[in-house]
Amino acid sequence: MAVNITPLHDRVIVKRIEEKESVKGGIIIPDTAKEKPQEGEVVAVGSGKREKGELIPLDVKVGDRILFGKYSGNEIKIDDEEYLILKEDEILAKLGGAAKAASSRK
């Protein structure tokens, strides 16, 4: 999946990763009552930020899974897909290989 948008400076574009829903007891939670996930996959990155005339590259790259704050970033919609534009400072953590495997076992 290619996105036709390139973020500027120290911003990244993220696609939220929806968790698999397992319904217990027959209760179905409507989509409007669900909280949005705070985990996503980076789909595009900016060139980095400038400090004292020097370009500092971002710590994340396309394909990384990240955690971000509940109210972080700005939501955008491109070709009926929802994305989030975040500054690198709003990224809380980058998930490694072991964390990815653990989150998929739920």
Protein backbone atom coordinates (compact mmCIF):
# COMPACT_ATOMS: atom_id res chain seq x y z
CA MET A 1 0.00 0.00 0.00
CA ALA A 2 1.54 3.27 -1.09
CA VAL A 3 0.50 6.63 0.28
CA ASN A 4 0.70 9.65 -2.02
CA ILE A 5 1.70 12.02 0.76
CA THR A 6 5.05 12.95 2.25
CA PRO A 7 5.13 14.56 5.69
CA LEU A 8 7.40 17.53 6.27
CA HIS A 9 10.30 17.83 8.72
CA ASP A 10 9.89 15.64 11.85
CA ARG A 11 6.38 14.38 11.13
CA VAL A 12 5.25 10.82 10.40
CA ILE A 13 2.08 9.36 8.93
CA VAL A 14 0.64 6.44 10.85
CA LYS A 15 -2.12 3.94 10.11
CA ARG A 16 -3.84 2.77 13.28
CA ILE A 17 -3.72 -0.97 13.95
CA GLU A 18 -7.13 -2.25 14.98
CA GLU A 19 -7.14 -4.92 17.67
CA LYS A 20 -9.08 -8.10 17.05
CA GLU A 21 -12.31 -8.01 19.03
CA SER A 22 -13.34 -11.09 20.96
CA VAL A 23 -16.88 -10.84 22.27
CA LYS A 24 -17.49 -12.60 25.59
CA GLY A 25 -20.95 -13.11 27.01
CA GLY A 26 -22.69 -12.06 23.81
CA ILE A 27 -22.24 -8.33 24.43
CA ILE A 28 -21.41 -6.43 21.26
CA ILE A 29 -19.84 -3.01 21.65
CA PRO A 30 -20.81 -0.59 18.86
CA ASP A 31 -18.01 1.09 16.91
CA THR A 32 -18.98 4.50 18.28
CA ALA A 33 -18.34 3.35 21.87
CA LYS A 34 -14.94 1.78 21.20
CA GLU A 35 -11.74 3.60 21.98
CA LYS A 36 -9.40 4.18 19.09
CA PRO A 37 -6.23 2.12 19.24
CA GLN A 38 -3.02 3.78 20.35
CA GLU A 39 -0.83 1.51 18.26
CA GLY A 40 -0.02 2.03 14.63
CA GLU A 41 2.28 1.35 11.71
CA VAL A 42 4.40 4.09 10.18
CA VAL A 43 3.55 4.49 6.47
CA ALA A 44 5.59 7.63 5.65
CA VAL A 45 8.26 9.74 7.35
CA GLY A 46 9.57 13.25 6.89
CA SER A 47 13.21 14.14 6.24
CA GLY A 48 13.97 15.06 9.86
CA LYS A 49 14.27 18.23 11.88
CA ARG A 50 16.94 20.89 11.70
CA GLU A 51 18.88 21.93 14.76
CA LYS A 52 21.66 24.50 14.44
CA GLY A 53 21.65 24.08 10.67
CA GLU A 54 22.15 20.30 10.85
CA LEU A 55 19.53 17.80 9.66
CA ILE A 56 18.74 15.19 12.32
CA PRO A 57 17.04 12.08 10.86
CA LEU A 58 14.03 10.48 12.56
CA ASP A 59 14.36 7.43 14.83
CA VAL A 60 11.45 5.65 13.12
CA LYS A 61 11.18 4.34 9.58
CA VAL A 62 8.40 3.09 7.31
CA GLY A 63 7.05 -0.23 8.57
CA ASP A 64 7.83 0.34 12.28
CA ARG A 65 5.05 -0.32 14.79
CA ILE A 66 4.71 2.45 17.34
CA LEU A 67 2.71 3.50 20.39
CA PHE A 68 1.35 7.04 20.69
CA GLY A 69 -0.80 9.03 23.08
CA LYS A 70 -4.59 8.86 23.05
CA TYR A 71 -5.05 12.46 21.88
CA SER A 72 -1.89 12.78 19.76
CA GLY A 73 -1.68 13.94 16.17
CA ASN A 74 -4.16 15.06 13.55
CA GLU A 75 -6.49 12.69 11.75
CA ILE A 76 -6.67 12.79 7.96
CA LYS A 77 -8.50 10.72 5.35
CA ILE A 78 -6.89 9.72 2.04
CA ASP A 79 -8.71 7.46 -0.46
CA ASP A 80 -11.22 6.37 2.23
CA GLU A 81 -8.39 5.30 4.57
CA GLU A 82 -7.85 7.05 7.90
CA TYR A 83 -4.34 8.10 8.90
CA LEU A 84 -2.77 10.11 11.67
CA ILE A 85 -0.06 12.76 11.27
CA LEU A 86 2.21 12.87 14.32
CA LYS A 87 5.31 14.81 15.25
CA GLU A 88 8.16 12.51 16.26
CA ASP A 89 7.97 13.92 19.80
CA GLU A 90 4.43 12.51 20.14
CA ILE A 91 5.63 8.93 19.58
CA LEU A 92 5.91 7.19 22.94
CA ALA A 93 7.65 3.96 21.93
CA LYS A 94 8.74 1.83 19.01
CA LEU A 95 7.69 -1.82 19.25
CA GLY A 96 10.41 -4.37 18.57
CA GLY A 97 10.11 -7.94 17.27
CA ALA A 98 9.29 -9.50 20.67
CA ALA A 99 6.61 -6.88 21.39
CA LYS A 100 4.99 -7.46 17.99
CA ALA A 101 4.77 -11.20 18.61
CA ALA A 102 3.33 -10.69 22.10
CA SER A 103 0.64 -8.29 20.90
CA SER A 104 -0.47 -10.65 18.12
CA ARG A 105 -1.04 -13.53 20.57
CA LYS A 106 -3.93 -11.77 22.35
